[in-house]
């Protein structure tokens, strides 16, 4: 029989220490979920206007959507490569077919 099994007080002490350590770890983890970054200007940027209109998708012979394109409200057409392993490249061009002031297709 080990000394750990022979002493119930010691078993309770180890249990209490593990419980306290776990509680501290959870509290430290939850501290990162607060609004600290937003208050200091390091959180997500505020959203003004949102354009959730669907984009036109250009499929290549593999049938995967490889390029998405849509107009913004300012006369520009945006192209985004959708299947890349790095950050997608965004190309913005002036497009006279895109209306200003409304979402054009």
PDB file of N, CA and C in Angstrom:
ATOM      1  N   UNK A   1       0.855  -1.170   0.000  1.00  0.00           N
ATOM      2  CA  UNK A   1       0.000   0.000   0.000  1.00  0.00           C
ATOM      3  C   UNK A   1       0.899   1.230   0.000  1.00  0.00           C
ATOM      4  N   UNK A   2       0.591   2.164  -0.849  1.00  0.00           N
ATOM      5  CA  UNK A   2       1.396   3.378  -0.920  1.00  0.00           C
ATOM      6  C   UNK A   2       0.949   4.361   0.151  1.00  0.00           C
ATOM      7  N   UNK A   3       1.787   5.348   0.399  1.00  0.00           N
ATOM      8  CA  UNK A   3       1.457   6.348   1.411  1.00  0.00           C
ATOM      9  C   UNK A   3       0.287   7.214   0.946  1.00  0.00           C
ATOM     10  N   UNK A   4       0.084   7.305  -0.367  1.00  0.00           N
ATOM     11  CA  UNK A   4      -1.029   8.092  -0.895  1.00  0.00           C
ATOM     12  C   UNK A   4      -2.361   7.439  -0.525  1.00  0.00           C
ATOM     13  N   UNK A   5      -2.448   6.112  -0.606  1.00  0.00           N
ATOM     14  CA  UNK A   5      -3.680   5.405  -0.278  1.00  0.00           C
ATOM     15  C   UNK A   5      -3.930   5.377   1.224  1.00  0.00           C
ATOM     16  N   UNK A   6      -2.871   5.433   2.018  1.00  0.00           N
ATOM     17  CA  UNK A   6      -3.010   5.313   3.458  1.00  0.00           C
ATOM     18  C   UNK A   6      -3.480   6.602   4.111  1.00  0.00           C
ATOM     19  N   UNK A   7      -3.381   7.720   3.424  1.00  0.00           N
ATOM     20  CA  UNK A   7      -3.695   8.998   4.050  1.00  0.00           C
ATOM     21  C   UNK A   7      -4.806   9.711   3.283  1.00  0.00           C
ATOM     22  N   UNK A   8      -6.067   9.621   3.725  1.00  0.00           N
ATOM     23  CA  UNK A   8      -7.174  10.274   3.012  1.00  0.00           C
ATOM     24  C   UNK A   8      -7.034  11.798   2.984  1.00  0.00           C
ATOM     25  N   UNK A   9      -6.399  12.384   4.021  1.00  0.00           N
ATOM     26  CA  UNK A   9      -6.220  13.828   4.019  1.00  0.00           C
ATOM     27  C   UNK A   9      -5.305  14.260   2.867  1.00  0.00           C
ATOM     28  N   UNK A  10      -4.295  13.457   2.602  1.00  0.00           N
ATOM     29  CA  UNK A  10      -3.377  13.790   1.529  1.00  0.00           C
ATOM     30  C   UNK A  10      -4.083  13.669   0.171  1.00  0.00           C
ATOM     31  N   UNK A  11      -4.918  12.676   0.007  1.00  0.00           N
ATOM     32  CA  UNK A  11      -5.674  12.512  -1.227  1.00  0.00           C
ATOM     33  C   UNK A  11      -6.593  13.712  -1.436  1.00  0.00           C
ATOM     34  N   UNK A  12      -7.235  14.180  -0.360  1.00  0.00           N
ATOM     35  CA  UNK A  12      -8.118  15.340  -0.457  1.00  0.00           C
ATOM     36  C   UNK A  12      -7.316  16.591  -0.822  1.00  0.00           C
ATOM     37  N   UNK A  13      -6.133  16.751  -0.266  1.00  0.00           N
ATOM     38  CA  UNK A  13      -5.286  17.902  -0.557  1.00  0.00           C
ATOM     39  C   UNK A  13      -4.859  17.909  -2.031  1.00  0.00           C
ATOM     40  N   UNK A  14      -4.465  16.760  -2.556  1.00  0.00           N
ATOM     41  CA  UNK A  14      -4.071  16.671  -3.960  1.00  0.00           C
ATOM     42  C   UNK A  14      -5.271  16.996  -4.848  1.00  0.00           C
ATOM     43  N   UNK A  15      -6.436  16.472  -4.518  1.00  0.00           N
ATOM     44  CA  UNK A  15      -7.655  16.753  -5.276  1.00  0.00           C
ATOM     45  C   UNK A  15      -7.959  18.257  -5.260  1.00  0.00           C
ATOM     46  N   UNK A  16      -7.852  18.891  -4.103  1.00  0.00           N
ATOM     47  CA  UNK A  16      -8.127  20.317  -3.978  1.00  0.00           C
ATOM     48  C   UNK A  16      -7.133  21.141  -4.792  1.00  0.00           C
ATOM     49  N   UNK A  17      -5.864  20.779  -4.772  1.00  0.00           N
ATOM     50  CA  UNK A  17      -4.854  21.498  -5.542  1.00  0.00           C
ATOM     51  C   UNK A  17      -5.107  21.371  -7.052  1.00  0.00           C
ATOM     52  N   UNK A  18      -5.476  20.182  -7.486  1.00  0.00           N
ATOM     53  CA  UNK A  18      -5.772  19.979  -8.907  1.00  0.00           C
ATOM     54  C   UNK A  18      -7.005  20.791  -9.298  1.00  0.00           C
ATOM     55  N   UNK A  19      -8.030  20.813  -8.452  1.00  0.00           N
ATOM     56  CA  UNK A  19      -9.242  21.578  -8.740  1.00  0.00           C
ATOM     57  C   UNK A  19      -8.951  23.073  -8.819  1.00  0.00           C
ATOM     58  N   UNK A  20      -8.126  23.586  -7.915  1.00  0.00           N
ATOM     59  CA  UNK A  20      -7.780  25.005  -7.934  1.00  0.00           C
ATOM     60  C   UNK A  20      -6.967  25.328  -9.182  1.00  0.00           C
ATOM     61  N   UNK A  21      -6.011  24.475  -9.535  1.00  0.00           N
ATOM     62  CA  UNK A  21      -5.202  24.704 -10.724  1.00  0.00           C
ATOM     63  C   UNK A  21      -6.075  24.699 -11.982  1.00  0.00           C
ATOM     64  N   UNK A  22      -7.040  23.801 -12.046  1.00  0.00           N
ATOM     65  CA  UNK A  22      -7.948  23.746 -13.186  1.00  0.00           C
ATOM     66  C   UNK A  22      -8.828  24.995 -13.247  1.00  0.00           C
ATOM     67  N   UNK A  23      -9.320  25.452 -12.103  1.00  0.00           N
ATOM     68  CA  UNK A  23     -10.154  26.659 -12.059  1.00  0.00           C
ATOM     69  C   UNK A  23      -9.358  27.882 -12.509  1.00  0.00           C
ATOM     70  N   UNK A  24      -8.106  27.994 -12.082  1.00  0.00           N
ATOM     71  CA  UNK A  24      -7.262  29.117 -12.494  1.00  0.00           C
ATOM     72  C   UNK A  24      -7.013  29.067 -13.999  1.00  0.00           C
ATOM     73  N   UNK A  25      -6.758  27.872 -14.539  1.00  0.00           N
ATOM     74  CA  UNK A  25      -6.526  27.741 -15.975  1.00  0.00           C
ATOM     75  C   UNK A  25      -7.772  28.144 -16.774  1.00  0.00           C
ATOM     76  N   UNK A  26      -8.948  27.763 -16.306  1.00  0.00           N
ATOM     77  CA  UNK A  26     -10.190  28.132 -16.987  1.00  0.00           C
ATOM     78  C   UNK A  26     -10.411  29.639 -16.927  1.00  0.00           C
ATOM     79  N   UNK A  27     -10.163  30.252 -15.777  1.00  0.00           N
ATOM     80  CA  UNK A  27     -10.343  31.696 -15.655  1.00  0.00           C
ATOM     81  C   UNK A  27      -9.371  32.460 -16.547  1.00  0.00           C
ATOM     82  N   UNK A  28      -8.125  32.005 -16.638  1.00  0.00           N
ATOM     83  CA  UNK A  28      -7.159  32.659 -17.514  1.00  0.00           C
ATOM     84  C   UNK A  28      -7.567  32.504 -18.974  1.00  0.00           C
ATOM     85  N   UNK A  29      -8.083  31.353 -19.331  1.00  0.00           N
ATOM     86  CA  UNK A  29      -8.557  31.144 -20.695  1.00  0.00           C
ATOM     87  C   UNK A  29      -9.749  32.015 -21.023  1.00  0.00           C
ATOM     88  N   UNK A  30     -10.659  32.178 -20.085  1.00  0.00           N
ATOM     89  CA  UNK A  30     -11.847  33.003 -20.314  1.00  0.00           C
ATOM     90  C   UNK A  30     -11.513  34.491 -20.331  1.00  0.00           C
ATOM     91  N   UNK A  31     -10.408  34.879 -19.744  1.00  0.00           N
ATOM     92  CA  UNK A  31     -10.029  36.292 -19.736  1.00  0.00           C
ATOM     93  C   UNK A  31      -9.771  36.795 -21.150  1.00  0.00           C
ATOM     94  N   UNK A  32      -9.372  35.914 -22.050  1.00  0.00           N
ATOM     95  CA  UNK A  32      -9.141  36.301 -23.429  1.00  0.00           C
ATOM     96  C   UNK A  32     -10.422  36.506 -24.215  1.00  0.00           C
ATOM     97  N   UNK A  33     -11.573  36.167 -23.655  1.00  0.00           N
ATOM     98  CA  UNK A  33     -12.844  36.287 -24.364  1.00  0.00           C
ATOM     99  C   UNK A  33     -13.534  37.618 -24.110  1.00  0.00           C
ATOM    100  N   UNK A  34     -12.960  38.480 -23.311  1.00  0.00           N
ATOM    101  CA  UNK A  34     -13.606  39.746 -22.968  1.00  0.00           C
ATOM    102  C   UNK A  34     -13.490  40.772 -24.072  1.00  0.00           C
ATOM    103  N   UNK A  35     -14.015  41.961 -23.831  1.00  0.00           N
ATOM    104  CA  UNK A  35     -13.989  43.038 -24.793  1.00  0.00           C
ATOM    105  C   UNK A  35     -12.752  43.911 -24.673  1.00  0.00           C
ATOM    106  N   UNK A  36     -11.716  43.409 -24.066  1.00  0.00           N
ATOM    107  CA  UNK A  36     -10.495  44.191 -23.832  1.00  0.00           C
ATOM    108  C   UNK A  36      -9.945  44.762 -25.133  1.00  0.00           C
ATOM    109  N   UNK A  37      -9.842  43.936 -26.171  1.00  0.00           N
ATOM    110  CA  UNK A  37      -9.278  44.407 -27.426  1.00  0.00           C
ATOM    111  C   UNK A  37     -10.173  45.439 -28.093  1.00  0.00           C
ATOM    112  N   UNK A  38     -11.491  45.276 -28.007  1.00  0.00           N
ATOM    113  CA  UNK A  38     -12.391  46.252 -28.614  1.00  0.00           C
ATOM    114  C   UNK A  38     -12.244  47.611 -27.940  1.00  0.00           C
ATOM    115  N   UNK A  39     -12.109  47.624 -26.638  1.00  0.00           N
ATOM    116  CA  UNK A  39     -11.985  48.886 -25.905  1.00  0.00           C
ATOM    117  C   UNK A  39     -10.669  49.586 -26.241  1.00  0.00           C
ATOM    118  N   UNK A  40      -9.658  48.820 -26.559  1.00  0.00           N
ATOM    119  CA  UNK A  40      -8.345  49.406 -26.863  1.00  0.00           C
ATOM    120  C   UNK A  40      -8.117  49.582 -28.349  1.00  0.00           C
ATOM    121  N   UNK A  41      -9.149  49.305 -29.177  1.00  0.00           N
ATOM    122  CA  UNK A  41      -9.021  49.513 -30.605  1.00  0.00           C
ATOM    123  C   UNK A  41      -8.333  48.406 -31.365  1.00  0.00           C
ATOM    124  N   UNK A  42      -8.248  47.217 -30.782  1.00  0.00           N
ATOM    125  CA  UNK A  42      -7.586  46.109 -31.466  1.00  0.00           C
ATOM    126  C   UNK A  42      -8.550  44.988 -31.844  1.00  0.00           C
ATOM    127  N   UNK A  43      -9.835  45.208 -31.707  1.00  0.00           N
ATOM    128  CA  UNK A  43     -10.815  44.184 -32.062  1.00  0.00           C
ATOM    129  C   UNK A  43     -11.216  44.305 -33.515  1.00  0.00           C
ATOM    130  N   UNK A  44     -12.332  43.690 -33.864  1.00  0.00           N
ATOM    131  CA  UNK A  44     -12.845  43.780 -35.226  1.00  0.00           C
ATOM    132  C   UNK A  44     -13.286  45.197 -35.525  1.00  0.00           C
ATOM    133  N   UNK A  45     -13.128  45.585 -36.751  1.00  0.00           N
ATOM    134  CA  UNK A  45     -13.562  46.912 -37.184  1.00  0.00           C
ATOM    135  C   UNK A  45     -15.087  46.956 -37.224  1.00  0.00           C
ATOM    136  N   UNK A  46     -15.679  48.091 -36.928  1.00  0.00           N
ATOM    137  CA  UNK A  46     -17.131  48.187 -37.005  1.00  0.00           C
ATOM    138  C   UNK A  46     -17.589  48.049 -38.462  1.00  0.00           C
ATOM    139  N   UNK A  47     -18.769  47.487 -38.632  1.00  0.00           N
ATOM    140  CA  UNK A  47     -19.319  47.267 -39.963  1.00  0.00           C
ATOM    141  C   UNK A  47     -20.329  48.351 -40.252  1.00  0.00           C
ATOM    142  N   UNK A  48     -20.147  49.078 -41.356  1.00  0.00           N
ATOM    143  CA  UNK A  48     -21.105  50.095 -41.776  1.00  0.00           C
ATOM    144  C   UNK A  48     -22.158  49.462 -42.659  1.00  0.00           C
ATOM    145  N   UNK A  49     -21.928  49.488 -43.965  1.00  0.00           N
ATOM    146  CA  UNK A  49     -22.831  48.858 -44.920  1.00  0.00           C
ATOM    147  C   UNK A  49     -22.354  47.448 -45.202  1.00  0.00           C
ATOM    148  N   UNK A  50     -23.312  46.560 -45.400  1.00  0.00           N
ATOM    149  CA  UNK A  50     -22.979  45.163 -45.667  1.00  0.00           C
ATOM    150  C   UNK A  50     -23.640  44.760 -46.979  1.00  0.00           C
ATOM    151  N   UNK A  51     -22.873  44.141 -47.862  1.00  0.00           N
ATOM    152  CA  UNK A  51     -23.389  43.678 -49.142  1.00  0.00           C
ATOM    153  C   UNK A  51     -23.335  42.155 -49.151  1.00  0.00           C
ATOM    154  N   UNK A  52     -24.469  41.535 -48.894  1.00  0.00           N
ATOM    155  CA  UNK A  52     -24.542  40.073 -48.868  1.00  0.00           C
ATOM    156  C   UNK A  52     -25.089  39.502 -50.168  1.00  0.00           C
ATOM    157  N   UNK A  53     -25.123  40.307 -51.227  1.00  0.00           N
ATOM    158  CA  UNK A  53     -25.609  39.808 -52.511  1.00  0.00           C
ATOM    159  C   UNK A  53     -24.670  38.714 -53.013  1.00  0.00           C
ATOM    160  N   UNK A  54     -25.201  37.715 -53.697  1.00  0.00           N
ATOM    161  CA  UNK A  54     -24.331  36.628 -54.176  1.00  0.00           C
ATOM    162  C   UNK A  54     -23.359  37.114 -55.246  1.00  0.00           C
ATOM    163  N   UNK A  55     -22.238  36.457 -55.322  1.00  0.00           N
ATOM    164  CA  UNK A  55     -21.221  36.767 -56.333  1.00  0.00           C
ATOM    165  C   UNK A  55     -21.387  35.816 -57.513  1.00  0.00           C
ATOM    166  N   UNK A  56     -20.876  36.239 -58.663  1.00  0.00           N
ATOM    167  CA  UNK A  56     -20.811  35.347 -59.818  1.00  0.00           C
ATOM    168  C   UNK A  56     -19.555  34.505 -59.667  1.00  0.00           C
ATOM    169  N   UNK A  57     -19.672  33.191 -59.877  1.00  0.00           N
ATOM    170  CA  UNK A  57     -18.545  32.279 -59.701  1.00  0.00           C
ATOM    171  C   UNK A  57     -18.152  31.720 -61.053  1.00  0.00           C
ATOM    172  N   UNK A  58     -16.878  31.750 -61.344  1.00  0.00           N
ATOM    173  CA  UNK A  58     -16.341  31.205 -62.588  1.00  0.00           C
ATOM    174  C   UNK A  58     -15.747  29.840 -62.273  1.00  0.00           C
ATOM    175  N   UNK A  59     -16.327  28.792 -62.860  1.00  0.00           N
ATOM    176  CA  UNK A  59     -15.843  27.431 -62.652  1.00  0.00           C
ATOM    177  C   UNK A  59     -14.875  27.040 -63.755  1.00  0.00           C
ATOM    178  N   UNK A  60     -13.806  26.395 -63.377  1.00  0.00           N
ATOM    179  CA  UNK A  60     -12.868  25.863 -64.341  1.00  0.00           C
ATOM    180  C   UNK A  60     -13.237  24.405 -64.616  1.00  0.00           C
ATOM    181  N   UNK A  61     -12.565  23.714 -65.539  1.00  0.00           N
ATOM    182  CA  UNK A  61     -12.978  22.356 -65.913  1.00  0.00           C
ATOM    183  C   UNK A  61     -13.064  21.357 -64.751  1.00  0.00           C
ATOM    184  N   UNK A  62     -12.402  21.644 -63.634  1.00  0.00           N
ATOM    185  CA  UNK A  62     -12.500  20.733 -62.494  1.00  0.00           C
ATOM    186  C   UNK A  62     -13.799  20.926 -61.717  1.00  0.00           C
ATOM    187  N   UNK A  63     -14.683  21.806 -62.165  1.00  0.00           N
ATOM    188  CA  UNK A  63     -16.011  22.134 -61.618  1.00  0.00           C
ATOM    189  C   UNK A  63     -15.961  22.805 -60.246  1.00  0.00           C
ATOM    190  N   UNK A  64     -14.794  23.198 -59.777  1.00  0.00           N
ATOM    191  CA  UNK A  64     -14.709  23.956 -58.539  1.00  0.00           C
ATOM    192  C   UNK A  64     -14.750  25.441 -58.860  1.00  0.00           C
ATOM    193  N   UNK A  65     -15.419  26.210 -58.006  1.00  0.00           N
ATOM    194  CA  UNK A  65     -15.442  27.655 -58.198  1.00  0.00           C
ATOM    195  C   UNK A  65     -14.083  28.230 -57.879  1.00  0.00           C
ATOM    196  N   UNK A  66     -13.375  28.677 -58.909  1.00  0.00           N
ATOM    197  CA  UNK A  66     -12.023  29.158 -58.702  1.00  0.00           C
ATOM    198  C   UNK A  66     -11.916  30.677 -58.623  1.00  0.00           C
ATOM    199  N   UNK A  67     -12.872  31.401 -59.216  1.00  0.00           N
ATOM    200  CA  UNK A  67     -12.858  32.856 -59.186  1.00  0.00           C
ATOM    201  C   UNK A  67     -14.269  33.334 -58.890  1.00  0.00           C
ATOM    202  N   UNK A  68     -14.379  34.268 -57.963  1.00  0.00           N
ATOM    203  CA  UNK A  68     -15.672  34.891 -57.667  1.00  0.00           C
ATOM    204  C   UNK A  68     -15.560  36.364 -58.020  1.00  0.00           C
ATOM    205  N   UNK A  69     -16.636  36.926 -58.576  1.00  0.00           N
ATOM    206  CA  UNK A  69     -16.631  38.328 -58.964  1.00  0.00           C
ATOM    207  C   UNK A  69     -17.981  38.954 -58.633  1.00  0.00           C
ATOM    208  N   UNK A  70     -17.942  40.218 -58.262  1.00  0.00           N
ATOM    209  CA  UNK A  70     -19.165  40.982 -58.030  1.00  0.00           C
ATOM    210  C   UNK A  70     -18.845  42.459 -58.065  1.00  0.00           C
ATOM    211  N   UNK A  71     -19.885  43.263 -58.229  1.00  0.00           N
ATOM    212  CA  UNK A  71     -19.731  44.714 -58.253  1.00  0.00           C
ATOM    213  C   UNK A  71     -19.929  45.267 -56.845  1.00  0.00           C
ATOM    214  N   UNK A  72     -19.192  46.324 -56.542  1.00  0.00           N
ATOM    215  CA  UNK A  72     -19.484  47.037 -55.310  1.00  0.00           C
ATOM    216  C   UNK A  72     -20.426  48.193 -55.654  1.00  0.00           C
ATOM    217  N   UNK A  73     -20.716  49.029 -54.727  1.00  0.00           N
ATOM    218  CA  UNK A  73     -21.656  50.127 -54.971  1.00  0.00           C
ATOM    219  C   UNK A  73     -20.973  51.380 -55.490  1.00  0.00           C
ATOM    220  N   UNK A  74     -19.715  51.291 -55.858  1.00  0.00           N
ATOM    221  CA  UNK A  74     -18.951  52.471 -56.227  1.00  0.00           C
ATOM    222  C   UNK A  74     -18.374  52.382 -57.632  1.00  0.00           C
ATOM    223  N   UNK A  75     -18.894  51.494 -58.492  1.00  0.00           N
ATOM    224  CA  UNK A  75     -18.428  51.389 -59.862  1.00  0.00           C
ATOM    225  C   UNK A  75     -17.190  50.537 -60.052  1.00  0.00           C
ATOM    226  N   UNK A  76     -16.928  49.630 -59.123  1.00  0.00           N
ATOM    227  CA  UNK A  76     -15.763  48.748 -59.217  1.00  0.00           C
ATOM    228  C   UNK A  76     -16.229  47.295 -59.291  1.00  0.00           C
ATOM    229  N   UNK A  77     -15.468  46.471 -59.978  1.00  0.00           N
ATOM    230  CA  UNK A  77     -15.694  45.029 -59.986  1.00  0.00           C
ATOM    231  C   UNK A  77     -14.561  44.389 -59.200  1.00  0.00           C
ATOM    232  N   UNK A  78     -14.909  43.474 -58.327  1.00  0.00           N
ATOM    233  CA  UNK A  78     -13.934  42.785 -57.498  1.00  0.00           C
ATOM    234  C   UNK A  78     -13.832  41.337 -57.948  1.00  0.00           C
ATOM    235  N   UNK A  79     -12.610  40.830 -58.041  1.00  0.00           N
ATOM    236  CA  UNK A  79     -12.344  39.435 -58.364  1.00  0.00           C
ATOM    237  C   UNK A  79     -11.564  38.837 -57.197  1.00  0.00           C
ATOM    238  N   UNK A  80     -11.963  37.639 -56.782  1.00  0.00           N
ATOM    239  CA  UNK A  80     -11.273  36.947 -55.687  1.00  0.00           C
ATOM    240  C   UNK A  80     -11.049  35.503 -56.111  1.00  0.00           C
ATOM    241  N   UNK A  81      -9.815  35.035 -55.928  1.00  0.00           N
ATOM    242  CA  UNK A  81      -9.513  33.623 -56.171  1.00  0.00           C
ATOM    243  C   UNK A  81      -9.982  32.852 -54.951  1.00  0.00           C
ATOM    244  N   UNK A  82     -10.796  31.823 -55.175  1.00  0.00           N
ATOM    245  CA  UNK A  82     -11.449  31.181 -54.036  1.00  0.00           C
ATOM    246  C   UNK A  82     -10.775  29.905 -53.539  1.00  0.00           C
ATOM    247  N   UNK A  83      -9.947  29.265 -54.348  1.00  0.00           N
ATOM    248  CA  UNK A  83      -9.311  28.024 -53.900  1.00  0.00           C
ATOM    249  C   UNK A  83      -7.800  28.177 -53.944  1.00  0.00           C
ATOM    250  N   UNK A  84      -7.255  28.747 -52.888  1.00  0.00           N
ATOM    251  CA  UNK A  84      -5.811  28.903 -52.763  1.00  0.00           C
ATOM    252  C   UNK A  84      -5.418  28.503 -51.350  1.00  0.00           C
ATOM    253  N   UNK A  85      -4.165  28.136 -51.176  1.00  0.00           N
ATOM    254  CA  UNK A  85      -3.690  27.732 -49.855  1.00  0.00           C
ATOM    255  C   UNK A  85      -3.101  28.884 -49.071  1.00  0.00           C
ATOM    256  N   UNK A  86      -2.945  30.040 -49.713  1.00  0.00           N
ATOM    257  CA  UNK A  86      -2.437  31.230 -49.030  1.00  0.00           C
ATOM    258  C   UNK A  86      -3.574  32.251 -48.968  1.00  0.00           C
ATOM    259  N   UNK A  87      -3.277  33.446 -48.544  1.00  0.00           N
ATOM    260  CA  UNK A  87      -4.306  34.491 -48.526  1.00  0.00           C
ATOM    261  C   UNK A  87      -4.770  34.766 -49.949  1.00  0.00           C
ATOM    262  N   UNK A  88      -6.082  34.844 -50.166  1.00  0.00           N
ATOM    263  CA  UNK A  88      -6.568  35.074 -51.530  1.00  0.00           C
ATOM    264  C   UNK A  88      -6.224  36.474 -52.019  1.00  0.00           C
ATOM    265  N   UNK A  89      -5.919  36.559 -53.299  1.00  0.00           N
ATOM    266  CA  UNK A  89      -5.623  37.834 -53.932  1.00  0.00           C
ATOM    267  C   UNK A  89      -6.930  38.477 -54.371  1.00  0.00           C
ATOM    268  N   UNK A  90      -7.089  39.750 -54.097  1.00  0.00           N
ATOM    269  CA  UNK A  90      -8.269  40.497 -54.511  1.00  0.00           C
ATOM    270  C   UNK A  90      -7.836  41.484 -55.583  1.00  0.00           C
ATOM    271  N   UNK A  91      -8.541  41.491 -56.716  1.00  0.00           N
ATOM    272  CA  UNK A  91      -8.271  42.429 -57.801  1.00  0.00           C
ATOM    273  C   UNK A  91      -9.489  43.327 -57.929  1.00  0.00           C
ATOM    274  N   UNK A  92      -9.271  44.634 -57.947  1.00  0.00           N
ATOM    275  CA  UNK A  92     -10.349  45.617 -58.066  1.00  0.00           C
ATOM    276  C   UNK A  92     -10.087  46.441 -59.321  1.00  0.00           C
ATOM    277  N   UNK A  93     -11.096  46.491 -60.205  1.00  0.00           N
ATOM    278  CA  UNK A  93     -10.966  47.298 -61.420  1.00  0.00           C
ATOM    279  C   UNK A  93     -12.179  48.211 -61.542  1.00  0.00           C
ATOM    280  N   UNK A  94     -12.012  49.328 -62.241  1.00  0.00           N
ATOM    281  CA  UNK A  94     -13.137  50.198 -62.550  1.00  0.00           C
ATOM    282  C   UNK A  94     -13.927  49.515 -63.665  1.00  0.00           C
ATOM    283  N   UNK A  95     -15.228  49.351 -63.466  1.00  0.00           N
ATOM    284  CA  UNK A  95     -16.067  48.660 -64.430  1.00  0.00           C
ATOM    285  C   UNK A  95     -17.298  49.510 -64.712  1.00  0.00           C
ATOM    286  N   UNK A  96     -17.429  50.027 -65.930  1.00  0.00           N
ATOM    287  CA  UNK A  96     -18.581  50.883 -66.243  1.00  0.00           C
ATOM    288  C   UNK A  96     -19.920  50.148 -66.177  1.00  0.00           C
ATOM    289  N   UNK A  97     -19.906  48.808 -66.208  1.00  0.00           N
ATOM    290  CA  UNK A  97     -21.174  48.083 -66.095  1.00  0.00           C
ATOM    291  C   UNK A  97     -21.656  47.986 -64.650  1.00  0.00           C
ATOM    292  N   UNK A  98     -20.804  48.338 -63.708  1.00  0.00           N
ATOM    293  CA  UNK A  98     -21.201  48.342 -62.292  1.00  0.00           C
ATOM    294  C   UNK A  98     -21.787  49.700 -61.956  1.00  0.00           C
ATOM    295  N   UNK A  99     -22.996  49.704 -61.456  1.00  0.00           N
ATOM    296  CA  UNK A  99     -23.639  50.993 -61.134  1.00  0.00           C
ATOM    297  C   UNK A  99     -23.072  51.556 -59.851  1.00  0.00           C
ATOM    298  N   UNK A 100     -23.203  52.837 -59.677  1.00  0.00           N
ATOM    299  CA  UNK A 100     -22.810  53.488 -58.431  1.00  0.00           C
ATOM    300  C   UNK A 100     -24.076  53.774 -57.655  1.00  0.00           C
ATOM    301  N   UNK A 101     -24.077  53.451 -56.401  1.00  0.00           N
ATOM    302  CA  UNK A 101     -25.235  53.698 -55.549  1.00  0.00           C
ATOM    303  C   UNK A 101     -26.108  52.488 -55.330  1.00  0.00           C
ATOM    304  N   UNK A 102     -25.945  51.449 -56.067  1.00  0.00           N
ATOM    305  CA  UNK A 102     -26.737  50.239 -55.885  1.00  0.00           C
ATOM    306  C   UNK A 102     -25.921  49.039 -56.292  1.00  0.00           C
ATOM    307  N   UNK A 103     -26.341  47.886 -55.890  1.00  0.00           N
ATOM    308  CA  UNK A 103     -25.621  46.668 -56.224  1.00  0.00           C
ATOM    309  C   UNK A 103     -26.035  46.257 -57.628  1.00  0.00           C
ATOM    310  N   UNK A 104     -25.085  46.162 -58.530  1.00  0.00           N
ATOM    311  CA  UNK A 104     -25.369  45.770 -59.902  1.00  0.00           C
ATOM    312  C   UNK A 104     -24.878  44.361 -60.143  1.00  0.00           C
ATOM    313  N   UNK A 105     -25.444  43.731 -61.122  1.00  0.00           N
ATOM    314  CA  UNK A 105     -25.016  42.369 -61.454  1.00  0.00           C
ATOM    315  C   UNK A 105     -24.537  42.334 -62.860  1.00  0.00           C
TER     316      UNK A 105
END
